[in-house]
Amino acid sequence: MKSAGLDIKYVAHLARIELTPEEESLLGLQLADILAYVEKLKEAEIRGVEPTAHPFPMVNVTRPDEVARSLTSEEALANAPAQANGLFRVPKIVE
């Protein structure tokens, strides 16, 4: 098993963030606290408890689809900072 320091550096690398040694130390302590709490949760009596994704029943609240008037091309492009041939013009982004 990797040490918490290596895990923190690995996750920071994946997240593309730089951490100072002090931040790494603080996050290591916080991670240790979180893991200790997870171990404590393992002690909870859960026999007979049904697994759920949400503590309360979820109901999908949606409205029915209705045909409605939509914007014309001219209306959609009215506030566009740049347009050409009836389309939005945006800056080219190349990495």
PDB file of N, CA and C in Angstrom:
ATOM      1  N   MET A   1       0.845  -1.192   0.000  1.00  0.00           N
ATOM      2  CA  MET A   1       0.000   0.000   0.000  1.00  0.00           C
ATOM      3  C   MET A   1       0.883   1.246   0.000  1.00  0.00           C
ATOM      4  N   LYS A   2       0.507   2.239  -0.799  1.00  0.00           N
ATOM      5  CA  LYS A   2       1.279   3.465  -0.875  1.00  0.00           C
ATOM      6  C   LYS A   2       1.068   4.292   0.385  1.00  0.00           C
ATOM      7  N   SER A   3       2.050   5.121   0.699  1.00  0.00           N
ATOM      8  CA  SER A   3       1.888   6.012   1.849  1.00  0.00           C
ATOM      9  C   SER A   3       0.971   7.164   1.463  1.00  0.00           C
ATOM     10  N   ALA A   4       0.424   7.829   2.474  1.00  0.00           N
ATOM     11  CA  ALA A   4      -0.499   8.944   2.219  1.00  0.00           C
ATOM     12  C   ALA A   4       0.202  10.047   1.441  1.00  0.00           C
ATOM     13  N   GLY A   5       1.498  10.263   1.708  1.00  0.00           N
ATOM     14  CA  GLY A   5       2.247  11.306   0.998  1.00  0.00           C
ATOM     15  C   GLY A   5       2.291  11.052  -0.496  1.00  0.00           C
ATOM     16  N   LEU A   6       2.514   9.798  -0.880  1.00  0.00           N
ATOM     17  CA  LEU A   6       2.534   9.473  -2.301  1.00  0.00           C
ATOM     18  C   LEU A   6       1.147   9.590  -2.911  1.00  0.00           C
ATOM     19  N   ASP A   7       0.124   9.192  -2.163  1.00  0.00           N
ATOM     20  CA  ASP A   7      -1.250   9.319  -2.657  1.00  0.00           C
ATOM     21  C   ASP A   7      -1.593  10.784  -2.889  1.00  0.00           C
ATOM     22  N   ILE A   8      -1.220  11.633  -1.966  1.00  0.00           N
ATOM     23  CA  ILE A   8      -1.522  13.059  -2.078  1.00  0.00           C
ATOM     24  C   ILE A   8      -0.807  13.649  -3.280  1.00  0.00           C
ATOM     25  N   LYS A   9       0.456  13.317  -3.471  1.00  0.00           N
ATOM     26  CA  LYS A   9       1.201  13.833  -4.624  1.00  0.00           C
ATOM     27  C   LYS A   9       0.586  13.324  -5.925  1.00  0.00           C
ATOM     28  N   TYR A  10       0.157  12.062  -5.938  1.00  0.00           N
ATOM     29  CA  TYR A  10      -0.438  11.481  -7.137  1.00  0.00           C
ATOM     30  C   TYR A  10      -1.756  12.172  -7.483  1.00  0.00           C
ATOM     31  N   VAL A  11      -2.610  12.356  -6.490  1.00  0.00           N
ATOM     32  CA  VAL A  11      -3.900  13.014  -6.726  1.00  0.00           C
ATOM     33  C   VAL A  11      -3.688  14.470  -7.126  1.00  0.00           C
ATOM     34  N   ALA A  12      -2.748  15.146  -6.508  1.00  0.00           N
ATOM     35  CA  ALA A  12      -2.446  16.533  -6.876  1.00  0.00           C
ATOM     36  C   ALA A  12      -1.978  16.596  -8.330  1.00  0.00           C
ATOM     37  N   HIS A  13      -1.171  15.624  -8.725  1.00  0.00           N
ATOM     38  CA  HIS A  13      -0.710  15.572 -10.118  1.00  0.00           C
ATOM     39  C   HIS A  13      -1.899  15.386 -11.059  1.00  0.00           C
ATOM     40  N   LEU A  14      -2.807  14.465 -10.729  1.00  0.00           N
ATOM     41  CA  LEU A  14      -3.976  14.234 -11.572  1.00  0.00           C
ATOM     42  C   LEU A  14      -4.854  15.480 -11.657  1.00  0.00           C
ATOM     43  N   ALA A  15      -4.950  16.216 -10.547  1.00  0.00           N
ATOM     44  CA  ALA A  15      -5.786  17.415 -10.496  1.00  0.00           C
ATOM     45  C   ALA A  15      -5.076  18.639 -11.072  1.00  0.00           C
ATOM     46  N   ARG A  16      -3.821  18.455 -11.453  1.00  0.00           N
ATOM     47  CA  ARG A  16      -3.009  19.541 -12.016  1.00  0.00           C
ATOM     48  C   ARG A  16      -2.873  20.717 -11.048  1.00  0.00           C
ATOM     49  N   ILE A  17      -2.638  20.393  -9.769  1.00  0.00           N
ATOM     50  CA  ILE A  17      -2.417  21.444  -8.781  1.00  0.00           C
ATOM     51  C   ILE A  17      -1.060  21.233  -8.130  1.00  0.00           C
ATOM     52  N   GLU A  18      -0.449  22.323  -7.759  1.00  0.00           N
ATOM     53  CA  GLU A  18       0.827  22.265  -7.061  1.00  0.00           C
ATOM     54  C   GLU A  18       0.574  22.511  -5.580  1.00  0.00           C
ATOM     55  N   LEU A  19       1.183  21.676  -4.742  1.00  0.00           N
ATOM     56  CA  LEU A  19       1.031  21.813  -3.299  1.00  0.00           C
ATOM     57  C   LEU A  19       2.382  22.095  -2.670  1.00  0.00           C
ATOM     58  N   THR A  20       2.365  22.978  -1.689  1.00  0.00           N
ATOM     59  CA  THR A  20       3.583  23.207  -0.918  1.00  0.00           C
ATOM     60  C   THR A  20       3.744  22.037   0.053  1.00  0.00           C
ATOM     61  N   PRO A  21       4.933  21.845   0.592  1.00  0.00           N
ATOM     62  CA  PRO A  21       5.106  20.784   1.588  1.00  0.00           C
ATOM     63  C   PRO A  21       4.154  20.941   2.781  1.00  0.00           C
ATOM     64  N   GLU A  22       3.863  22.188   3.174  1.00  0.00           N
ATOM     65  CA  GLU A  22       2.938  22.420   4.278  1.00  0.00           C
ATOM     66  C   GLU A  22       1.528  21.965   3.908  1.00  0.00           C
ATOM     67  N   GLU A  23       1.107  22.250   2.675  1.00  0.00           N
ATOM     68  CA  GLU A  23      -0.215  21.823   2.229  1.00  0.00           C
ATOM     69  C   GLU A  23      -0.293  20.298   2.142  1.00  0.00           C
ATOM     70  N   GLU A  24       0.775  19.669   1.667  1.00  0.00           N
ATOM     71  CA  GLU A  24       0.810  18.208   1.610  1.00  0.00           C
ATOM     72  C   GLU A  24       0.677  17.616   3.007  1.00  0.00           C
ATOM     73  N   SER A  25       1.372  18.203   3.965  1.00  0.00           N
ATOM     74  CA  SER A  25       1.307  17.721   5.338  1.00  0.00           C
ATOM     75  C   SER A  25      -0.101  17.872   5.902  1.00  0.00           C
ATOM     76  N   LEU A  26      -0.713  19.034   5.680  1.00  0.00           N
ATOM     77  CA  LEU A  26      -2.071  19.286   6.166  1.00  0.00           C
ATOM     78  C   LEU A  26      -3.057  18.311   5.518  1.00  0.00           C
ATOM     79  N   LEU A  27      -2.948  18.118   4.208  1.00  0.00           N
ATOM     80  CA  LEU A  27      -3.848  17.199   3.529  1.00  0.00           C
ATOM     81  C   LEU A  27      -3.626  15.770   3.996  1.00  0.00           C
ATOM     82  N   GLY A  28      -2.385  15.420   4.329  1.00  0.00           N
ATOM     83  CA  GLY A  28      -2.103  14.090   4.863  1.00  0.00           C
ATOM     84  C   GLY A  28      -2.824  13.861   6.180  1.00  0.00           C
ATOM     85  N   LEU A  29      -2.817  14.867   7.047  1.00  0.00           N
ATOM     86  CA  LEU A  29      -3.529  14.764   8.324  1.00  0.00           C
ATOM     87  C   LEU A  29      -5.035  14.663   8.100  1.00  0.00           C
ATOM     88  N   GLN A  30      -5.548  15.466   7.169  1.00  0.00           N
ATOM     89  CA  GLN A  30      -6.983  15.439   6.878  1.00  0.00           C
ATOM     90  C   GLN A  30      -7.384  14.087   6.283  1.00  0.00           C
ATOM     91  N   LEU A  31      -6.544  13.554   5.396  1.00  0.00           N
ATOM     92  CA  LEU A  31      -6.824  12.251   4.804  1.00  0.00           C
ATOM     93  C   LEU A  31      -6.828  11.163   5.876  1.00  0.00           C
ATOM     94  N   ALA A  32      -5.900  11.237   6.810  1.00  0.00           N
ATOM     95  CA  ALA A  32      -5.863  10.262   7.909  1.00  0.00           C
ATOM     96  C   ALA A  32      -7.143  10.348   8.742  1.00  0.00           C
ATOM     97  N   ASP A  33      -7.632  11.563   8.998  1.00  0.00           N
ATOM     98  CA  ASP A  33      -8.884  11.737   9.745  1.00  0.00           C
ATOM     99  C   ASP A  33     -10.069  11.137   8.982  1.00  0.00           C
ATOM    100  N   ILE A  34     -10.102  11.363   7.671  1.00  0.00           N
ATOM    101  CA  ILE A  34     -11.192  10.824   6.854  1.00  0.00           C
ATOM    102  C   ILE A  34     -11.168   9.305   6.885  1.00  0.00           C
ATOM    103  N   LEU A  35      -9.999   8.718   6.714  1.00  0.00           N
ATOM    104  CA  LEU A  35      -9.888   7.263   6.720  1.00  0.00           C
ATOM    105  C   LEU A  35     -10.253   6.677   8.081  1.00  0.00           C
ATOM    106  N   ALA A  36      -9.899   7.377   9.154  1.00  0.00           N
ATOM    107  CA  ALA A  36     -10.273   6.914  10.494  1.00  0.00           C
ATOM    108  C   ALA A  36     -11.794   6.942  10.647  1.00  0.00           C
ATOM    109  N   TYR A  37     -12.443   7.966  10.099  1.00  0.00           N
ATOM    110  CA  TYR A  37     -13.903   8.053  10.186  1.00  0.00           C
ATOM    111  C   TYR A  37     -14.558   6.943   9.375  1.00  0.00           C
ATOM    112  N   VAL A  38     -13.996   6.623   8.207  1.00  0.00           N
ATOM    113  CA  VAL A  38     -14.539   5.529   7.393  1.00  0.00           C
ATOM    114  C   VAL A  38     -14.431   4.228   8.173  1.00  0.00           C
ATOM    115  N   GLU A  39     -13.334   4.007   8.867  1.00  0.00           N
ATOM    116  CA  GLU A  39     -13.189   2.796   9.682  1.00  0.00           C
ATOM    117  C   GLU A  39     -14.250   2.762  10.777  1.00  0.00           C
ATOM    118  N   LYS A  40     -14.547   3.925  11.367  1.00  0.00           N
ATOM    119  CA  LYS A  40     -15.576   3.995  12.404  1.00  0.00           C
ATOM    120  C   LYS A  40     -16.952   3.666  11.819  1.00  0.00           C
ATOM    121  N   LEU A  41     -17.209   4.118  10.598  1.00  0.00           N
ATOM    122  CA  LEU A  41     -18.490   3.824   9.952  1.00  0.00           C
ATOM    123  C   LEU A  41     -18.669   2.330   9.723  1.00  0.00           C
ATOM    124  N   LYS A  42     -17.574   1.615   9.546  1.00  0.00           N
ATOM    125  CA  LYS A  42     -17.654   0.168   9.339  1.00  0.00           C
ATOM    126  C   LYS A  42     -18.196  -0.551  10.564  1.00  0.00           C
ATOM    127  N   GLU A  43     -18.163   0.101  11.720  1.00  0.00           N
ATOM    128  CA  GLU A  43     -18.667  -0.488  12.956  1.00  0.00           C
ATOM    129  C   GLU A  43     -20.187  -0.389  13.076  1.00  0.00           C
ATOM    130  N   ALA A  44     -20.821   0.415  12.237  1.00  0.00           N
ATOM    131  CA  ALA A  44     -22.271   0.630  12.321  1.00  0.00           C
ATOM    132  C   ALA A  44     -23.014  -0.663  12.010  1.00  0.00           C
ATOM    133  N   GLU A  45     -24.087  -0.904  12.762  1.00  0.00           N
ATOM    134  CA  GLU A  45     -24.921  -2.086  12.550  1.00  0.00           C
ATOM    135  C   GLU A  45     -25.850  -1.812  11.366  1.00  0.00           C
ATOM    136  N   ILE A  46     -25.702  -2.570  10.302  1.00  0.00           N
ATOM    137  CA  ILE A  46     -26.500  -2.324   9.104  1.00  0.00           C
ATOM    138  C   ILE A  46     -27.304  -3.541   8.660  1.00  0.00           C
ATOM    139  N   ARG A  47     -27.304  -4.602   9.466  1.00  0.00           N
ATOM    140  CA  ARG A  47     -28.111  -5.769   9.092  1.00  0.00           C
ATOM    141  C   ARG A  47     -29.573  -5.373   9.025  1.00  0.00           C
ATOM    142  N   GLY A  48     -30.238  -5.782   7.952  1.00  0.00           N
ATOM    143  CA  GLY A  48     -31.649  -5.473   7.785  1.00  0.00           C
ATOM    144  C   GLY A  48     -31.926  -4.120   7.159  1.00  0.00           C
ATOM    145  N   VAL A  49     -30.894  -3.358   6.870  1.00  0.00           N
ATOM    146  CA  VAL A  49     -31.085  -2.052   6.245  1.00  0.00           C
ATOM    147  C   VAL A  49     -30.943  -2.227   4.736  1.00  0.00           C
ATOM    148  N   GLU A  50     -31.992  -1.833   4.011  1.00  0.00           N
ATOM    149  CA  GLU A  50     -31.974  -1.964   2.562  1.00  0.00           C
ATOM    150  C   GLU A  50     -31.027  -0.922   1.953  1.00  0.00           C
ATOM    151  N   PRO A  51     -30.220  -1.328   0.981  1.00  0.00           N
ATOM    152  CA  PRO A  51     -29.354  -0.350   0.315  1.00  0.00           C
ATOM    153  C   PRO A  51     -30.179   0.643  -0.494  1.00  0.00           C
ATOM    154  N   THR A  52     -29.782   1.897  -0.457  1.00  0.00           N
ATOM    155  CA  THR A  52     -30.490   2.935  -1.213  1.00  0.00           C
ATOM    156  C   THR A  52     -29.480   3.880  -1.834  1.00  0.00           C
ATOM    157  N   ALA A  53     -29.905   4.552  -2.881  1.00  0.00           N
ATOM    158  CA  ALA A  53     -29.073   5.583  -3.489  1.00  0.00           C
ATOM    159  C   ALA A  53     -29.364   6.944  -2.856  1.00  0.00           C
ATOM    160  N   HIS A  54     -30.587   7.085  -2.324  1.00  0.00           N
ATOM    161  CA  HIS A  54     -31.003   8.343  -1.708  1.00  0.00           C
ATOM    162  C   HIS A  54     -31.759   8.025  -0.416  1.00  0.00           C
ATOM    163  N   PRO A  55     -31.655   8.884   0.595  1.00  0.00           N
ATOM    164  CA  PRO A  55     -32.360   8.615   1.843  1.00  0.00           C
ATOM    165  C   PRO A  55     -33.876   8.772   1.726  1.00  0.00           C
ATOM    166  N   PHE A  56     -34.328   9.513   0.716  1.00  0.00           N
ATOM    167  CA  PHE A  56     -35.753   9.718   0.515  1.00  0.00           C
ATOM    168  C   PHE A  56     -36.132   9.269  -0.892  1.00  0.00           C
ATOM    169  N   PRO A  57     -37.359   8.805  -1.078  1.00  0.00           N
ATOM    170  CA  PRO A  57     -37.771   8.411  -2.438  1.00  0.00           C
ATOM    171  C   PRO A  57     -37.646   9.591  -3.391  1.00  0.00           C
ATOM    172  N   MET A  58     -37.076   9.323  -4.557  1.00  0.00           N
ATOM    173  CA  MET A  58     -36.890  10.378  -5.551  1.00  0.00           C
ATOM    174  C   MET A  58     -37.955  10.258  -6.631  1.00  0.00           C
ATOM    175  N   VAL A  59     -38.497  11.406  -7.022  1.00  0.00           N
ATOM    176  CA  VAL A  59     -39.485  11.449  -8.090  1.00  0.00           C
ATOM    177  C   VAL A  59     -38.943  12.411  -9.141  1.00  0.00           C
ATOM    178  N   ASN A  60     -38.927  11.961 -10.375  1.00  0.00           N
ATOM    179  CA  ASN A  60     -38.428  12.808 -11.444  1.00  0.00           C
ATOM    180  C   ASN A  60     -39.470  13.878 -11.760  1.00  0.00           C
ATOM    181  N   VAL A  61     -39.117  15.121 -11.537  1.00  0.00           N
ATOM    182  CA  VAL A  61     -40.047  16.221 -11.754  1.00  0.00           C
ATOM    183  C   VAL A  61     -39.711  16.868 -13.088  1.00  0.00           C
ATOM    184  N   THR A  62     -40.497  16.554 -14.084  1.00  0.00           N
ATOM    185  CA  THR A  62     -40.284  17.136 -15.407  1.00  0.00           C
ATOM    186  C   THR A  62     -41.617  17.607 -15.948  1.00  0.00           C
ATOM    187  N   ARG A  63     -41.543  18.472 -16.889  1.00  0.00           N
ATOM    188  CA  ARG A  63     -42.756  18.936 -17.536  1.00  0.00           C
ATOM    189  C   ARG A  63     -42.888  18.195 -18.865  1.00  0.00           C
ATOM    190  N   PRO A  64     -44.079  18.047 -19.371  1.00  0.00           N
ATOM    191  CA  PRO A  64     -44.227  17.391 -20.671  1.00  0.00           C
ATOM    192  C   PRO A  64     -43.653  18.269 -21.778  1.00  0.00           C
ATOM    193  N   ASP A  65     -43.112  17.640 -22.797  1.00  0.00           N
ATOM    194  CA  ASP A  65     -42.618  18.387 -23.949  1.00  0.00           C
ATOM    195  C   ASP A  65     -43.796  18.981 -24.701  1.00  0.00           C
ATOM    196  N   GLU A  66     -43.662  20.232 -25.049  1.00  0.00           N
ATOM    197  CA  GLU A  66     -44.700  20.907 -25.821  1.00  0.00           C
ATOM    198  C   GLU A  66     -44.047  21.676 -26.948  1.00  0.00           C
ATOM    199  N   VAL A  67     -44.662  21.621 -28.106  1.00  0.00           N
ATOM    200  CA  VAL A  67     -44.151  22.367 -29.243  1.00  0.00           C
ATOM    201  C   VAL A  67     -44.394  23.846 -28.984  1.00  0.00           C
ATOM    202  N   ALA A  68     -43.352  24.647 -29.126  1.00  0.00           N
ATOM    203  CA  ALA A  68     -43.471  26.086 -28.912  1.00  0.00           C
ATOM    204  C   ALA A  68     -42.644  26.810 -29.965  1.00  0.00           C
ATOM    205  N   ARG A  69     -42.901  28.080 -30.116  1.00  0.00           N
ATOM    206  CA  ARG A  69     -42.159  28.889 -31.067  1.00  0.00           C
ATOM    207  C   ARG A  69     -40.715  29.006 -30.594  1.00  0.00           C
ATOM    208  N   SER A  70     -39.777  28.844 -31.496  1.00  0.00           N
ATOM    209  CA  SER A  70     -38.370  29.016 -31.139  1.00  0.00           C
ATOM    210  C   SER A  70     -37.829  30.258 -31.839  1.00  0.00           C
ATOM    211  N   LEU A  71     -36.614  30.623 -31.508  1.00  0.00           N
ATOM    212  CA  LEU A  71     -36.011  31.814 -32.092  1.00  0.00           C
ATOM    213  C   LEU A  71     -35.711  31.601 -33.567  1.00  0.00           C
ATOM    214  N   THR A  72     -35.849  32.666 -34.326  1.00  0.00           N
ATOM    215  CA  THR A  72     -35.395  32.614 -35.718  1.00  0.00           C
ATOM    216  C   THR A  72     -33.877  32.778 -35.706  1.00  0.00           C
ATOM    217  N   SER A  73     -33.238  32.485 -36.806  1.00  0.00           N
ATOM    218  CA  SER A  73     -31.783  32.656 -36.897  1.00  0.00           C
ATOM    219  C   SER A  73     -31.395  34.108 -36.623  1.00  0.00           C
ATOM    220  N   GLU A  74     -32.168  35.026 -37.162  1.00  0.00           N
ATOM    221  CA  GLU A  74     -31.867  36.450 -36.960  1.00  0.00           C
ATOM    222  C   GLU A  74     -31.971  36.835 -35.481  1.00  0.00           C
ATOM    223  N   GLU A  75     -33.009  36.332 -34.801  1.00  0.00           N
ATOM    224  CA  GLU A  75     -33.170  36.634 -33.372  1.00  0.00           C
ATOM    225  C   GLU A  75     -32.030  36.026 -32.559  1.00  0.00           C
ATOM    226  N   ALA A  76     -31.641  34.801 -32.878  1.00  0.00           N
ATOM    227  CA  ALA A  76     -30.567  34.136 -32.144  1.00  0.00           C
ATOM    228  C   ALA A  76     -29.239  34.858 -32.335  1.00  0.00           C
ATOM    229  N   LEU A  77     -29.013  35.389 -33.523  1.00  0.00           N
ATOM    230  CA  LEU A  77     -27.739  36.049 -33.829  1.00  0.00           C
ATOM    231  C   LEU A  77     -27.747  37.541 -33.522  1.00  0.00           C
ATOM    232  N   ALA A  78     -28.868  38.067 -33.041  1.00  0.00           N
ATOM    233  CA  ALA A  78     -28.998  39.513 -32.843  1.00  0.00           C
ATOM    234  C   ALA A  78     -27.919  40.083 -31.926  1.00  0.00           C
ATOM    235  N   ASN A  79     -27.550  39.401 -30.881  1.00  0.00           N
ATOM    236  CA  ASN A  79     -26.558  39.920 -29.936  1.00  0.00           C
ATOM    237  C   ASN A  79     -25.194  39.250 -30.077  1.00  0.00           C
ATOM    238  N   ALA A  80     -25.005  38.487 -31.125  1.00  0.00           N
ATOM    239  CA  ALA A  80     -23.726  37.797 -31.316  1.00  0.00           C
ATOM    240  C   ALA A  80     -22.635  38.816 -31.605  1.00  0.00           C
ATOM    241  N   PRO A  81     -21.494  38.710 -30.915  1.00  0.00           N
ATOM    242  CA  PRO A  81     -20.413  39.654 -31.187  1.00  0.00           C
ATOM    243  C   PRO A  81     -19.828  39.470 -32.587  1.00  0.00           C
ATOM    244  N   ALA A  82     -19.892  38.249 -33.122  1.00  0.00           N
ATOM    245  CA  ALA A  82     -19.394  37.998 -34.475  1.00  0.00           C
ATOM    246  C   ALA A  82     -20.236  36.902 -35.105  1.00  0.00           C
ATOM    247  N   GLN A  83     -20.545  37.090 -36.393  1.00  0.00           N
ATOM    248  CA  GLN A  83     -21.336  36.098 -37.106  1.00  0.00           C
ATOM    249  C   GLN A  83     -20.920  36.092 -38.565  1.00  0.00           C
ATOM    250  N   ALA A  84     -21.163  34.966 -39.219  1.00  0.00           N
ATOM    251  CA  ALA A  84     -20.870  34.849 -40.647  1.00  0.00           C
ATOM    252  C   ALA A  84     -21.756  33.768 -41.232  1.00  0.00           C
ATOM    253  N   ASN A  85     -22.363  34.050 -42.373  1.00  0.00           N
ATOM    254  CA  ASN A  85     -23.198  33.085 -43.083  1.00  0.00           C
ATOM    255  C   ASN A  85     -24.290  32.498 -42.193  1.00  0.00           C
ATOM    256  N   GLY A  86     -24.865  33.303 -41.319  1.00  0.00           N
ATOM    257  CA  GLY A  86     -25.947  32.835 -40.453  1.00  0.00           C
ATOM    258  C   GLY A  86     -25.484  31.966 -39.300  1.00  0.00           C
ATOM    259  N   LEU A  87     -24.201  32.007 -38.954  1.00  0.00           N
ATOM    260  CA  LEU A  87     -23.646  31.197 -37.869  1.00  0.00           C
ATOM    261  C   LEU A  87     -22.889  32.086 -36.887  1.00  0.00           C
ATOM    262  N   PHE A  88     -22.744  31.598 -35.644  1.00  0.00           N
ATOM    263  CA  PHE A  88     -21.918  32.285 -34.667  1.00  0.00           C
ATOM    264  C   PHE A  88     -20.455  32.093 -35.038  1.00  0.00           C
ATOM    265  N   ARG A  89     -19.663  33.152 -34.959  1.00  0.00           N
ATOM    266  CA  ARG A  89     -18.213  33.029 -35.156  1.00  0.00           C
ATOM    267  C   ARG A  89     -17.581  33.054 -33.773  1.00  0.00           C
ATOM    268  N   VAL A  90     -16.682  32.104 -33.530  1.00  0.00           N
ATOM    269  CA  VAL A  90     -15.986  32.023 -32.252  1.00  0.00           C
ATOM    270  C   VAL A  90     -14.499  31.929 -32.521  1.00  0.00           C
ATOM    271  N   PRO A  91     -13.674  32.311 -31.530  1.00  0.00           N
ATOM    272  CA  PRO A  91     -12.228  32.222 -31.731  1.00  0.00           C
ATOM    273  C   PRO A  91     -11.784  30.773 -31.896  1.00  0.00           C
ATOM    274  N   LYS A  92     -10.799  30.578 -32.746  1.00  0.00           N
ATOM    275  CA  LYS A  92     -10.235  29.245 -32.932  1.00  0.00           C
ATOM    276  C   LYS A  92      -9.396  28.913 -31.709  1.00  0.00           C
ATOM    277  N   ILE A  93      -9.615  27.719 -31.134  1.00  0.00           N
ATOM    278  CA  ILE A  93      -8.876  27.302 -29.951  1.00  0.00           C
ATOM    279  C   ILE A  93      -8.103  26.041 -30.314  1.00  0.00           C
ATOM    280  N   VAL A  94      -6.793  26.149 -30.297  1.00  0.00           N
ATOM    281  CA  VAL A  94      -5.927  25.018 -30.605  1.00  0.00           C
ATOM    282  C   VAL A  94      -4.875  24.927 -29.511  1.00  0.00           C
ATOM    283  N   GLU A  95      -4.757  23.753 -28.921  1.00  0.00           N
ATOM    284  CA  GLU A  95      -3.734  23.591 -27.884  1.00  0.00           C
ATOM    285  C   GLU A  95      -2.496  22.996 -28.480  1.00  0.00           C
TER     286      GLU A  95
END
